[in-house]
C-alpha cells in the first residue's frame, strides 16, 4: 500500500516537474515572441515616422518654393506696371521700375545671391563676377511705399516666408531690367537642394 502511494507520489511529482518545466519553457518562448514582435513594431513605426517626415519636409519645401516664385512673379508684374505708368506719365518722382533710386553696393549683396548672379552677369565668362559687372546691372532696392500701393491696386498679396519688400532688389538696366531678386536672410531650397533667388535664378 505504501509502495503504491509512493509510486503515485513520485508520478505526481514528475508530472508537476514536467509541467513546471514546460510552463517555464512556454513563458520563455512567449517572452521571446513578445520581444521580437515589439522590436518589429518599433522598427516599423520608426520607418513610417521617418518616411512621413521626409514626405512632410518635401511638401514643405515644394510649398515654400511655390509661394516664393509666386511672390517674385507678382513683384515682377508690379514692377512692369509701375515702369509703364512712369513712362506714360513722365513722373520724375518715380524711379525706374519703382526702385528707391539708390545703387546697391557689392558689399550689400549676400554671398549666395552674388554667386547666383554669375549666370546672368558674368560678361567675360570667367565664372566670377566683378564689381563692374554687378554695377552694370544697376541693382536697387524696391520703394516699399510705391510697391505696397501698386500691389494693393492689383490685388496681389504676398504669401512667402519673407514679405519684407526691403529684402528684394530689382535690376534696372540691361537685358534683365525689371528682374526681381531676393537678398534676404531666408533660404528657399527645393527638393533638389537648389537655392532660389528669383524666378529662375538659382545655385
N, C-alpha and C. Protein backbone atom coordinates (compact mmCIF):
# COMPACT_ATOMS: atom_id res chain seq x y z
N UNK A 1 0.84 -1.21 0.00
CA UNK A 1 0.00 0.00 0.00
C UNK A 1 0.87 1.25 0.00
N UNK A 2 1.87 1.23 0.87
CA UNK A 2 2.76 2.39 0.95
C UNK A 2 3.57 2.53 -0.34
N UNK A 3 3.94 1.34 -0.88
CA UNK A 3 4.69 1.35 -2.15
C UNK A 3 3.85 1.97 -3.25
N UNK A 4 2.53 1.64 -3.24
CA UNK A 4 1.62 2.20 -4.25
C UNK A 4 1.50 3.70 -4.09
N UNK A 5 1.38 4.15 -2.87
CA UNK A 5 1.30 5.60 -2.61
C UNK A 5 2.58 6.30 -3.05
N UNK A 6 3.70 5.62 -2.79
CA UNK A 6 5.00 6.20 -3.17
C UNK A 6 5.10 6.35 -4.67
N UNK A 7 4.60 5.32 -5.37
CA UNK A 7 4.62 5.38 -6.86
C UNK A 7 3.76 6.52 -7.35
N UNK A 8 2.58 6.65 -6.74
CA UNK A 8 1.66 7.73 -7.15
C UNK A 8 2.27 9.08 -6.86
N UNK A 9 2.88 9.21 -5.67
CA UNK A 9 3.50 10.50 -5.30
C UNK A 9 4.64 10.84 -6.24
N UNK A 10 5.44 9.80 -6.54
CA UNK A 10 6.58 10.01 -7.47
C UNK A 10 6.08 10.43 -8.85
N UNK A 11 5.01 9.76 -9.30
CA UNK A 11 4.42 10.08 -10.61
C UNK A 11 3.90 11.52 -10.63
N UNK A 12 3.18 11.87 -9.54
CA UNK A 12 2.63 13.23 -9.46
C UNK A 12 3.74 14.28 -9.42
N UNK A 13 4.81 13.96 -8.71
CA UNK A 13 5.94 14.89 -8.62
C UNK A 13 6.59 15.08 -9.98
N UNK A 14 6.79 13.93 -10.67
CA UNK A 14 7.39 14.01 -12.01
C UNK A 14 6.50 14.78 -12.98
N UNK A 15 5.18 14.57 -12.82
CA UNK A 15 4.22 15.27 -13.69
C UNK A 15 4.27 16.77 -13.44
N UNK A 16 4.30 17.13 -12.15
CA UNK A 16 4.36 18.56 -11.81
C UNK A 16 5.68 19.17 -12.29
N UNK A 17 6.73 18.38 -12.14
CA UNK A 17 8.05 18.85 -12.57
C UNK A 17 8.08 19.10 -14.07
N UNK A 18 7.52 18.11 -14.81
CA UNK A 18 7.46 18.27 -16.28
C UNK A 18 6.59 19.45 -16.67
N UNK A 19 5.44 19.58 -15.96
CA UNK A 19 4.53 20.69 -16.27
C UNK A 19 5.19 22.03 -15.99
N UNK A 20 5.91 22.08 -14.83
CA UNK A 20 6.60 23.33 -14.47
C UNK A 20 7.65 23.69 -15.50
N UNK A 21 8.44 22.69 -15.93
CA UNK A 21 9.46 22.94 -16.94
C UNK A 21 8.83 23.38 -18.25
N UNK A 22 7.73 22.69 -18.61
CA UNK A 22 7.04 23.02 -19.85
C UNK A 22 6.46 24.43 -19.79
N UNK A 23 5.90 24.75 -18.60
CA UNK A 23 5.32 26.08 -18.42
C UNK A 23 6.39 27.17 -18.51
N UNK A 24 7.53 26.90 -17.84
CA UNK A 24 8.64 27.87 -17.89
C UNK A 24 9.16 28.03 -19.32
N UNK A 25 9.20 26.86 -20.02
CA UNK A 25 9.64 26.90 -21.42
C UNK A 25 8.69 27.73 -22.28
N UNK A 26 7.36 27.55 -22.00
CA UNK A 26 6.36 28.34 -22.72
C UNK A 26 6.51 29.82 -22.41
N UNK A 27 6.77 30.15 -21.14
CA UNK A 27 6.93 31.54 -20.73
C UNK A 27 8.12 32.18 -21.44
N UNK A 28 9.23 31.41 -21.49
CA UNK A 28 10.41 31.93 -22.18
C UNK A 28 10.13 32.14 -23.66
N UNK A 29 9.44 31.16 -24.25
CA UNK A 29 9.10 31.24 -25.68
C UNK A 29 8.18 32.42 -25.96
N UNK A 30 7.16 32.58 -25.11
CA UNK A 30 6.22 33.70 -25.28
C UNK A 30 6.92 35.04 -25.08
N UNK A 31 7.84 35.06 -24.11
CA UNK A 31 8.58 36.30 -23.84
C UNK A 31 9.43 36.67 -25.05
N UNK A 32 10.07 35.65 -25.64
CA UNK A 32 10.89 35.88 -26.83
C UNK A 32 10.05 36.41 -27.99
N UNK A 33 8.89 35.78 -28.20
CA UNK A 33 7.96 36.21 -29.26
C UNK A 33 7.49 37.64 -29.02
N UNK A 34 7.18 37.93 -27.75
CA UNK A 34 6.71 39.28 -27.40
C UNK A 34 7.78 40.33 -27.69
N UNK A 35 9.02 40.00 -27.29
CA UNK A 35 10.14 40.93 -27.53
C UNK A 35 10.36 41.12 -29.03
N UNK A 36 10.31 40.01 -29.78
CA UNK A 36 10.52 40.09 -31.23
C UNK A 36 9.43 40.92 -31.91
N UNK A 37 8.17 40.67 -31.53
CA UNK A 37 7.05 41.43 -32.10
C UNK A 37 7.16 42.90 -31.74
N UNK A 38 7.53 43.18 -30.49
CA UNK A 38 7.68 44.57 -30.04
C UNK A 38 8.78 45.28 -30.81
N UNK A 39 9.89 44.56 -31.04
CA UNK A 39 11.01 45.12 -31.79
C UNK A 39 10.62 45.43 -33.23
N UNK A 40 9.93 44.47 -33.85
CA UNK A 40 9.47 44.68 -35.23
C UNK A 40 8.48 45.83 -35.31
N UNK A 41 7.62 45.93 -34.32
CA UNK A 41 6.64 47.03 -34.28
C UNK A 41 7.35 48.37 -34.14
N UNK A 42 8.35 48.41 -33.26
CA UNK A 42 9.10 49.65 -33.05
C UNK A 42 9.83 50.07 -34.32
N UNK A 43 10.45 49.09 -35.00
CA UNK A 43 11.16 49.38 -36.25
C UNK A 43 10.20 49.89 -37.32
N UNK A 44 9.04 49.24 -37.41
CA UNK A 44 8.03 49.65 -38.40
C UNK A 44 7.55 51.06 -38.15
N UNK A 45 7.28 51.37 -36.86
CA UNK A 45 6.81 52.71 -36.50
C UNK A 45 7.88 53.75 -36.82
N UNK A 46 9.16 53.41 -36.54
CA UNK A 46 10.26 54.32 -36.82
C UNK A 46 10.39 54.60 -38.31
N UNK A 47 10.27 53.52 -39.12
CA UNK A 47 10.37 53.67 -40.58
C UNK A 47 9.23 54.54 -41.11
N UNK A 48 8.02 54.26 -40.64
CA UNK A 48 6.86 55.05 -41.07
C UNK A 48 7.00 56.50 -40.65
N UNK A 49 7.49 56.72 -39.42
CA UNK A 49 7.67 58.08 -38.92
C UNK A 49 8.71 58.84 -39.75
N UNK A 50 9.84 58.16 -40.03
CA UNK A 50 10.89 58.79 -40.84
C UNK A 50 10.39 59.09 -42.25
N UNK A 51 9.65 58.16 -42.82
CA UNK A 51 9.11 58.35 -44.17
C UNK A 51 8.13 59.52 -44.19
N UNK A 52 7.30 59.60 -43.14
CA UNK A 52 6.33 60.70 -43.04
C UNK A 52 7.03 62.04 -42.92
N UNK A 53 8.14 62.06 -42.17
CA UNK A 53 8.90 63.30 -42.02
C UNK A 53 9.53 63.72 -43.33
N UNK A 54 10.02 62.72 -44.10
CA UNK A 54 10.61 63.02 -45.41
C UNK A 54 9.55 63.60 -46.35
N UNK A 55 8.37 62.97 -46.36
CA UNK A 55 7.27 63.45 -47.20
C UNK A 55 6.85 64.84 -46.79
N UNK A 56 6.74 65.05 -45.46
CA UNK A 56 6.34 66.36 -44.93
C UNK A 56 7.35 67.43 -45.28
N UNK A 57 8.64 67.09 -45.14
CA UNK A 57 9.71 68.03 -45.46
C UNK A 57 9.70 68.38 -46.95
N UNK A 58 9.50 67.35 -47.78
CA UNK A 58 9.44 67.55 -49.23
C UNK A 58 8.26 68.44 -49.60
N UNK A 59 7.12 68.20 -48.97
CA UNK A 59 5.92 69.00 -49.24
C UNK A 59 6.13 70.44 -48.81
N UNK A 60 6.74 70.62 -47.64
CA UNK A 60 7.00 71.98 -47.13
C UNK A 60 7.94 72.74 -48.06
N UNK A 61 8.97 72.04 -48.56
CA UNK A 61 9.91 72.68 -49.48
C UNK A 61 9.20 73.10 -50.76
N UNK A 62 8.39 72.18 -51.28
CA UNK A 62 7.65 72.46 -52.51
C UNK A 62 6.73 73.67 -52.34
N UNK A 63 6.01 73.71 -51.22
CA UNK A 63 5.10 74.82 -50.94
C UNK A 63 5.86 76.12 -50.77
N UNK A 64 7.01 76.04 -50.08
CA UNK A 64 7.83 77.22 -49.84
C UNK A 64 8.34 77.82 -51.15
N UNK A 65 8.86 76.96 -52.04
CA UNK A 65 9.37 77.42 -53.33
C UNK A 65 8.24 77.97 -54.19
N UNK A 66 7.10 77.28 -54.15
CA UNK A 66 5.94 77.71 -54.94
C UNK A 66 5.48 79.10 -54.51
N UNK A 67 5.35 79.32 -53.20
CA UNK A 67 4.93 80.63 -52.68
C UNK A 67 5.96 81.71 -53.03
N UNK A 68 7.23 81.36 -52.91
CA UNK A 68 8.30 82.32 -53.23
C UNK A 68 8.25 82.74 -54.69
N UNK A 69 8.13 81.77 -55.59
CA UNK A 69 8.09 82.08 -57.02
C UNK A 69 6.84 82.89 -57.38
N UNK A 70 5.73 82.58 -56.74
CA UNK A 70 4.51 83.35 -56.98
C UNK A 70 4.69 84.80 -56.54
N UNK A 71 5.34 84.99 -55.39
CA UNK A 71 5.59 86.35 -54.90
C UNK A 71 6.52 87.11 -55.83
N UNK A 72 7.59 86.45 -56.27
CA UNK A 72 8.54 87.10 -57.19
C UNK A 72 7.84 87.46 -58.49
N UNK A 73 6.97 86.59 -58.96
CA UNK A 73 6.21 86.85 -60.18
C UNK A 73 5.29 88.07 -60.01
N UNK A 74 4.62 88.13 -58.85
CA UNK A 74 3.74 89.28 -58.55
C UNK A 74 4.54 90.58 -58.49
N UNK A 75 5.70 90.51 -57.86
CA UNK A 75 6.55 91.71 -57.75
C UNK A 75 7.07 92.13 -59.12
N UNK A 76 7.39 91.13 -59.96
CA UNK A 76 7.88 91.43 -61.32
C UNK A 76 6.79 92.11 -62.16
N UNK A 77 5.56 91.57 -62.08
CA UNK A 77 4.44 92.17 -62.80
C UNK A 77 4.16 93.59 -62.29
N UNK A 78 4.25 93.74 -60.98
CA UNK A 78 4.02 95.06 -60.38
C UNK A 78 5.07 96.06 -60.85
N UNK A 79 6.33 95.61 -60.91
CA UNK A 79 7.42 96.49 -61.36
C UNK A 79 7.20 96.93 -62.80
N UNK A 80 6.73 96.02 -63.65
CA UNK A 80 6.48 96.36 -65.05
C UNK A 80 5.33 97.36 -65.18
N UNK A 81 4.30 97.18 -64.35
CA UNK A 81 3.17 98.12 -64.37
C UNK A 81 3.63 99.51 -63.92
N UNK A 82 4.42 99.55 -62.86
CA UNK A 82 4.94 100.83 -62.35
C UNK A 82 5.79 101.52 -63.41
N UNK A 83 6.65 100.74 -64.07
CA UNK A 83 7.53 101.31 -65.10
C UNK A 83 6.72 101.84 -66.29
N UNK A 84 5.68 101.10 -66.67
CA UNK A 84 4.82 101.53 -67.76
C UNK A 84 4.11 102.84 -67.42
N UNK A 85 3.60 102.91 -66.21
CA UNK A 85 2.91 104.13 -65.76
C UNK A 85 3.89 105.29 -65.64
N UNK A 86 5.11 105.00 -65.18
CA UNK A 86 6.13 106.05 -65.04
C UNK A 86 6.47 106.67 -66.39
N UNK A 87 6.63 105.82 -67.41
CA UNK A 87 6.99 106.30 -68.74
C UNK A 87 5.83 107.06 -69.40
N UNK A 88 4.62 106.55 -69.19
CA UNK A 88 3.47 107.18 -69.83
C UNK A 88 3.13 108.54 -69.21
N UNK A 89 3.43 108.68 -67.92
CA UNK A 89 3.09 109.93 -67.22
C UNK A 89 4.28 110.88 -67.08
N UNK A 90 5.48 110.38 -67.47
CA UNK A 90 6.71 111.16 -67.29
C UNK A 90 6.86 111.67 -65.85
N UNK A 91 6.51 110.81 -64.91
CA UNK A 91 6.59 111.19 -63.49
C UNK A 91 8.03 111.05 -63.01
N UNK A 92 8.68 112.19 -62.81
CA UNK A 92 10.09 112.19 -62.39
C UNK A 92 10.27 111.80 -60.93
N UNK A 93 9.18 111.75 -60.19
CA UNK A 93 9.27 111.38 -58.77
C UNK A 93 9.34 109.87 -58.58
N UNK A 94 9.05 109.12 -59.64
CA UNK A 94 9.12 107.65 -59.58
C UNK A 94 10.38 107.19 -60.30
N UNK A 95 11.19 106.40 -59.62
CA UNK A 95 12.42 105.87 -60.22
C UNK A 95 12.12 104.63 -61.05
N UNK A 96 13.12 104.23 -61.84
CA UNK A 96 12.95 103.08 -62.74
C UNK A 96 12.39 101.85 -62.02
N UNK A 97 11.31 101.31 -62.57
CA UNK A 97 10.66 100.10 -62.07
C UNK A 97 10.21 100.20 -60.61
N UNK A 98 10.04 101.41 -60.12
CA UNK A 98 9.58 101.57 -58.75
C UNK A 98 10.67 101.34 -57.72
N UNK A 99 11.93 101.47 -58.15
CA UNK A 99 13.06 101.29 -57.23
C UNK A 99 13.22 102.52 -56.34
N UNK A 100 14.12 102.41 -55.37
CA UNK A 100 14.36 103.57 -54.50
C UNK A 100 15.37 104.54 -55.10
N UNK A 101 15.94 104.18 -56.25
CA UNK A 101 16.85 105.08 -56.96
C UNK A 101 18.28 105.09 -56.44
N UNK A 102 18.58 104.22 -55.48
CA UNK A 102 19.93 104.19 -54.89
C UNK A 102 20.63 102.89 -55.29
N UNK A 103 21.78 103.02 -55.96
CA UNK A 103 22.51 101.84 -56.41
C UNK A 103 23.01 101.03 -55.22
N UNK A 104 22.84 99.73 -55.31
CA UNK A 104 23.30 98.81 -54.26
C UNK A 104 24.81 98.57 -54.44
N UNK A 105 25.53 98.60 -53.34
CA UNK A 105 26.96 98.29 -53.38
C UNK A 105 27.15 96.77 -53.37
N UNK A 106 28.26 96.32 -53.91
CA UNK A 106 28.55 94.89 -53.95
C UNK A 106 28.55 94.28 -52.55
N UNK A 107 29.02 95.04 -51.59
CA UNK A 107 29.11 94.55 -50.21
C UNK A 107 27.74 94.35 -49.57
N UNK A 108 26.71 94.96 -50.16
CA UNK A 108 25.36 94.84 -49.61
C UNK A 108 24.61 93.63 -50.16
N UNK A 109 25.21 92.96 -51.14
CA UNK A 109 24.58 91.80 -51.74
C UNK A 109 25.06 90.54 -51.04
N UNK A 110 24.14 89.65 -50.70
CA UNK A 110 24.51 88.42 -49.99
C UNK A 110 25.45 87.58 -50.86
N UNK A 111 26.37 86.84 -50.22
CA UNK A 111 27.31 86.00 -50.98
C UNK A 111 26.60 85.00 -51.90
N UNK A 112 25.50 84.42 -51.44
CA UNK A 112 24.77 83.44 -52.26
C UNK A 112 24.13 84.08 -53.48
N UNK A 113 23.56 85.27 -53.30
CA UNK A 113 22.98 85.97 -54.45
C UNK A 113 24.08 86.37 -55.43
N UNK A 114 25.20 86.80 -54.90
CA UNK A 114 26.34 87.16 -55.75
C UNK A 114 26.76 85.97 -56.61
N UNK A 115 26.81 84.80 -55.97
CA UNK A 115 27.18 83.57 -56.71
C UNK A 115 26.14 83.25 -57.77
N UNK A 116 24.87 83.46 -57.44
CA UNK A 116 23.79 83.17 -58.40
C UNK A 116 23.82 84.13 -59.59
N UNK A 117 24.25 85.36 -59.36
CA UNK A 117 24.28 86.38 -60.41
C UNK A 117 25.30 86.08 -61.50
N UNK A 118 26.24 85.18 -61.21
CA UNK A 118 27.25 84.81 -62.22
C UNK A 118 26.58 84.32 -63.50
N UNK A 119 25.46 83.61 -63.34
CA UNK A 119 24.79 83.02 -64.52
C UNK A 119 24.22 84.07 -65.47
N UNK A 120 23.99 85.29 -64.98
CA UNK A 120 23.41 86.31 -65.87
C UNK A 120 24.29 87.55 -66.04
N UNK A 121 25.32 87.68 -65.20
CA UNK A 121 26.11 88.91 -65.26
C UNK A 121 27.59 88.70 -65.55
N UNK A 122 28.00 87.45 -65.71
CA UNK A 122 29.40 87.16 -65.99
C UNK A 122 29.71 87.40 -67.46
N UNK A 123 29.96 88.65 -67.78
CA UNK A 123 30.14 89.06 -69.18
C UNK A 123 31.36 88.41 -69.82
N UNK A 124 32.49 88.37 -69.10
CA UNK A 124 33.71 87.82 -69.69
C UNK A 124 33.86 86.31 -69.51
N UNK A 125 32.82 85.67 -68.97
CA UNK A 125 32.76 84.20 -68.85
C UNK A 125 33.94 83.60 -68.09
N UNK A 126 34.36 84.27 -67.02
CA UNK A 126 35.46 83.73 -66.21
C UNK A 126 34.95 83.02 -64.96
N UNK A 127 33.63 82.80 -64.93
CA UNK A 127 32.97 82.12 -63.81
C UNK A 127 33.13 82.86 -62.49
N UNK A 128 33.31 84.14 -62.59
CA UNK A 128 33.34 85.04 -61.44
C UNK A 128 32.55 86.28 -61.80
N UNK A 129 32.23 87.08 -60.79
CA UNK A 129 31.51 88.32 -61.08
C UNK A 129 32.24 89.47 -60.39
N UNK A 130 32.60 90.46 -61.18
CA UNK A 130 33.36 91.60 -60.66
C UNK A 130 32.41 92.70 -60.21
N UNK A 131 32.97 93.67 -59.50
CA UNK A 131 32.17 94.83 -59.06
C UNK A 131 31.62 95.58 -60.26
N UNK A 132 32.41 95.62 -61.34
CA UNK A 132 31.97 96.31 -62.54
C UNK A 132 30.77 95.61 -63.18
N UNK A 133 30.81 94.29 -63.20
CA UNK A 133 29.71 93.53 -63.78
C UNK A 133 28.43 93.67 -62.94
N UNK A 134 28.61 93.75 -61.63
CA UNK A 134 27.45 93.97 -60.76
C UNK A 134 26.91 95.38 -60.96
N UNK A 135 27.81 96.33 -61.05
CA UNK A 135 27.39 97.74 -61.24
C UNK A 135 26.62 97.92 -62.54
N UNK A 136 26.97 97.13 -63.56
CA UNK A 136 26.31 97.25 -64.87
C UNK A 136 24.83 96.89 -64.78
N UNK A 137 24.44 96.10 -63.78
CA UNK A 137 23.03 95.72 -63.62
C UNK A 137 22.21 96.85 -63.00
N UNK A 138 22.89 97.79 -62.36
CA UNK A 138 22.24 98.89 -61.64
C UNK A 138 21.15 98.34 -60.69
N UNK A 139 21.61 97.51 -59.79
CA UNK A 139 20.72 96.92 -58.80
C UNK A 139 20.27 97.95 -57.77
N UNK A 140 18.99 97.95 -57.48
CA UNK A 140 18.44 98.87 -56.48
C UNK A 140 17.39 98.15 -55.64
N UNK A 141 17.13 98.70 -54.47
CA UNK A 141 16.05 98.17 -53.63
C UNK A 141 14.72 98.68 -54.16
N UNK A 142 13.65 98.00 -53.78
CA UNK A 142 12.31 98.45 -54.16
C UNK A 142 11.91 99.62 -53.26
N UNK A 143 11.08 100.50 -53.81
CA UNK A 143 10.49 101.56 -52.99
C UNK A 143 9.24 100.95 -52.33
N UNK A 144 9.31 100.65 -51.02
CA UNK A 144 8.20 99.95 -50.35
C UNK A 144 6.85 100.65 -50.49
N UNK A 145 6.86 101.97 -50.39
CA UNK A 145 5.61 102.74 -50.45
C UNK A 145 4.93 102.58 -51.80
N UNK A 146 5.71 102.75 -52.86
CA UNK A 146 5.16 102.63 -54.22
C UNK A 146 4.67 101.21 -54.50
N UNK A 147 5.48 100.22 -54.10
CA UNK A 147 5.11 98.83 -54.36
C UNK A 147 3.89 98.39 -53.56
N UNK A 148 3.83 98.79 -52.29
CA UNK A 148 2.67 98.42 -51.47
C UNK A 148 1.38 98.98 -52.07
N UNK A 149 1.45 100.21 -52.53
CA UNK A 149 0.28 100.85 -53.13
C UNK A 149 -0.15 100.14 -54.41
N UNK A 150 0.83 99.83 -55.27
CA UNK A 150 0.52 99.19 -56.55
C UNK A 150 0.06 97.74 -56.34
N UNK A 151 0.66 97.04 -55.38
CA UNK A 151 0.24 95.67 -55.07
C UNK A 151 -1.22 95.65 -54.62
N UNK A 152 -1.58 96.64 -53.84
CA UNK A 152 -2.97 96.75 -53.35
C UNK A 152 -3.93 97.00 -54.51
N UNK A 153 -3.53 97.89 -55.42
CA UNK A 153 -4.37 98.20 -56.58
C UNK A 153 -4.56 96.96 -57.46
N UNK A 154 -3.48 96.20 -57.62
CA UNK A 154 -3.54 95.00 -58.47
C UNK A 154 -4.17 93.80 -57.75
N UNK A 155 -4.38 93.93 -56.46
CA UNK A 155 -5.00 92.84 -55.68
C UNK A 155 -4.05 91.70 -55.41
N UNK A 156 -2.75 92.02 -55.35
CA UNK A 156 -1.73 91.00 -55.09
C UNK A 156 -1.40 90.93 -53.60
N UNK A 157 -1.39 89.72 -53.05
CA UNK A 157 -0.97 89.50 -51.67
C UNK A 157 0.24 88.58 -51.66
N UNK A 158 1.30 88.99 -50.96
CA UNK A 158 2.49 88.17 -50.86
C UNK A 158 2.29 87.09 -49.79
N UNK A 159 2.73 85.86 -50.09
CA UNK A 159 2.47 84.73 -49.19
C UNK A 159 3.70 83.94 -48.77
N UNK A 160 4.86 84.31 -49.27
CA UNK A 160 6.06 83.53 -48.94
C UNK A 160 6.53 83.84 -47.51
N UNK A 161 7.59 83.15 -47.09
CA UNK A 161 8.13 83.33 -45.74
C UNK A 161 8.60 84.76 -45.50
N UNK A 162 9.03 85.43 -46.57
CA UNK A 162 9.56 86.79 -46.42
C UNK A 162 8.78 87.76 -47.31
N UNK A 163 7.92 88.53 -46.65
CA UNK A 163 7.12 89.53 -47.37
C UNK A 163 7.70 90.94 -47.18
N UNK A 164 8.89 91.01 -46.63
CA UNK A 164 9.55 92.29 -46.39
C UNK A 164 10.12 92.81 -47.71
N UNK A 165 9.53 93.85 -48.24
CA UNK A 165 9.95 94.39 -49.54
C UNK A 165 11.38 94.92 -49.53
N UNK A 166 11.90 95.23 -48.35
CA UNK A 166 13.28 95.72 -48.25
C UNK A 166 14.30 94.65 -48.56
N UNK A 167 13.85 93.39 -48.59
CA UNK A 167 14.78 92.28 -48.86
C UNK A 167 14.79 91.87 -50.34
N UNK A 168 14.14 92.68 -51.16
CA UNK A 168 14.10 92.37 -52.60
C UNK A 168 14.80 93.48 -53.38
N UNK A 169 15.51 93.08 -54.43
CA UNK A 169 16.19 94.03 -55.31
C UNK A 169 15.60 93.93 -56.71
N UNK A 170 15.91 94.94 -57.52
CA UNK A 170 15.47 94.90 -58.91
C UNK A 170 16.58 95.38 -59.83
N UNK A 171 16.76 94.69 -60.94
CA UNK A 171 17.73 95.11 -61.95
C UNK A 171 17.07 96.21 -62.78
N UNK A 172 17.73 97.33 -62.91
CA UNK A 172 17.11 98.48 -63.60
C UNK A 172 17.77 98.82 -64.94
N UNK A 173 18.75 98.02 -65.34
CA UNK A 173 19.41 98.32 -66.61
C UNK A 173 19.84 97.05 -67.31
N UNK A 174 19.78 97.09 -68.65
CA UNK A 174 20.28 95.97 -69.45
C UNK A 174 19.23 94.93 -69.80
N UNK A 175 19.71 93.82 -70.28
CA UNK A 175 18.86 92.73 -70.78
C UNK A 175 17.87 92.24 -69.73
N UNK A 176 18.28 92.25 -68.48
CA UNK A 176 17.44 91.69 -67.40
C UNK A 176 16.73 92.76 -66.57
N UNK A 177 16.62 93.95 -67.12
CA UNK A 177 15.96 95.03 -66.38
C UNK A 177 14.52 94.65 -66.04
N UNK A 178 14.13 94.95 -64.83
CA UNK A 178 12.80 94.58 -64.36
C UNK A 178 12.78 93.25 -63.60
N UNK A 179 13.95 92.59 -63.54
CA UNK A 179 14.05 91.29 -62.85
C UNK A 179 14.14 91.49 -61.34
N UNK A 180 13.29 90.79 -60.61
CA UNK A 180 13.28 90.85 -59.15
C UNK A 180 14.22 89.79 -58.57
N UNK A 181 15.02 90.19 -57.60
CA UNK A 181 15.97 89.28 -56.94
C UNK A 181 15.75 89.32 -55.42
N UNK A 182 16.02 88.19 -54.80
CA UNK A 182 15.87 88.12 -53.34
C UNK A 182 17.23 88.26 -52.66
N UNK A 183 17.30 89.16 -51.68
CA UNK A 183 18.56 89.45 -51.00
C UNK A 183 18.39 89.38 -49.48
N UNK A 184 17.43 88.56 -49.03
CA UNK A 184 17.12 88.49 -47.61
C UNK A 184 17.76 87.32 -46.89
N UNK A 185 17.39 87.14 -45.63
CA UNK A 185 18.01 86.11 -44.78
C UNK A 185 17.47 84.69 -44.94
N UNK A 186 16.29 84.55 -45.53
CA UNK A 186 15.69 83.23 -45.65
C UNK A 186 16.29 82.45 -46.82
N UNK A 187 16.17 81.12 -46.74
CA UNK A 187 16.63 80.26 -47.82
C UNK A 187 15.45 79.54 -48.45
N UNK A 188 15.34 79.66 -49.75
CA UNK A 188 14.27 78.99 -50.50
C UNK A 188 14.90 77.86 -51.30
N UNK A 189 14.82 76.65 -50.75
CA UNK A 189 15.52 75.49 -51.32
C UNK A 189 14.50 74.44 -51.77
N UNK A 190 14.68 73.93 -52.98
CA UNK A 190 13.75 72.92 -53.50
C UNK A 190 14.21 71.51 -53.14
N UNK A 191 13.49 70.50 -53.63
CA UNK A 191 13.79 69.11 -53.30
C UNK A 191 15.11 68.62 -53.90
N UNK A 192 15.64 69.36 -54.86
CA UNK A 192 16.93 69.01 -55.45
C UNK A 192 18.07 69.80 -54.82
N UNK A 193 17.75 70.47 -53.71
CA UNK A 193 18.73 71.24 -52.93
C UNK A 193 19.25 72.47 -53.69
N UNK A 194 18.44 73.00 -54.58
CA UNK A 194 18.80 74.23 -55.29
C UNK A 194 18.20 75.43 -54.56
N UNK A 195 19.04 76.44 -54.32
CA UNK A 195 18.58 77.66 -53.65
C UNK A 195 18.16 78.69 -54.70
N UNK A 196 16.96 79.27 -54.50
CA UNK A 196 16.42 80.22 -55.47
C UNK A 196 16.52 81.65 -54.97
N UNK A 197 16.85 82.56 -55.91
CA UNK A 197 16.95 83.99 -55.60
C UNK A 197 16.11 84.82 -56.58
N UNK A 198 15.34 84.13 -57.39
CA UNK A 198 14.45 84.77 -58.35
C UNK A 198 13.63 83.68 -59.01
N UNK A 199 12.87 84.03 -60.03
CA UNK A 199 12.03 83.03 -60.70
C UNK A 199 12.85 81.86 -61.22
N UNK A 200 13.94 82.13 -61.89
CA UNK A 200 14.79 81.06 -62.45
C UNK A 200 16.21 81.13 -61.95
N UNK A 201 16.54 82.14 -61.17
CA UNK A 201 17.90 82.32 -60.69
C UNK A 201 18.16 81.44 -59.47
N UNK A 202 19.11 80.50 -59.61
CA UNK A 202 19.37 79.57 -58.51
C UNK A 202 20.83 79.10 -58.55
N UNK A 203 21.23 78.48 -57.44
CA UNK A 203 22.57 77.87 -57.39
C UNK A 203 22.44 76.49 -56.74
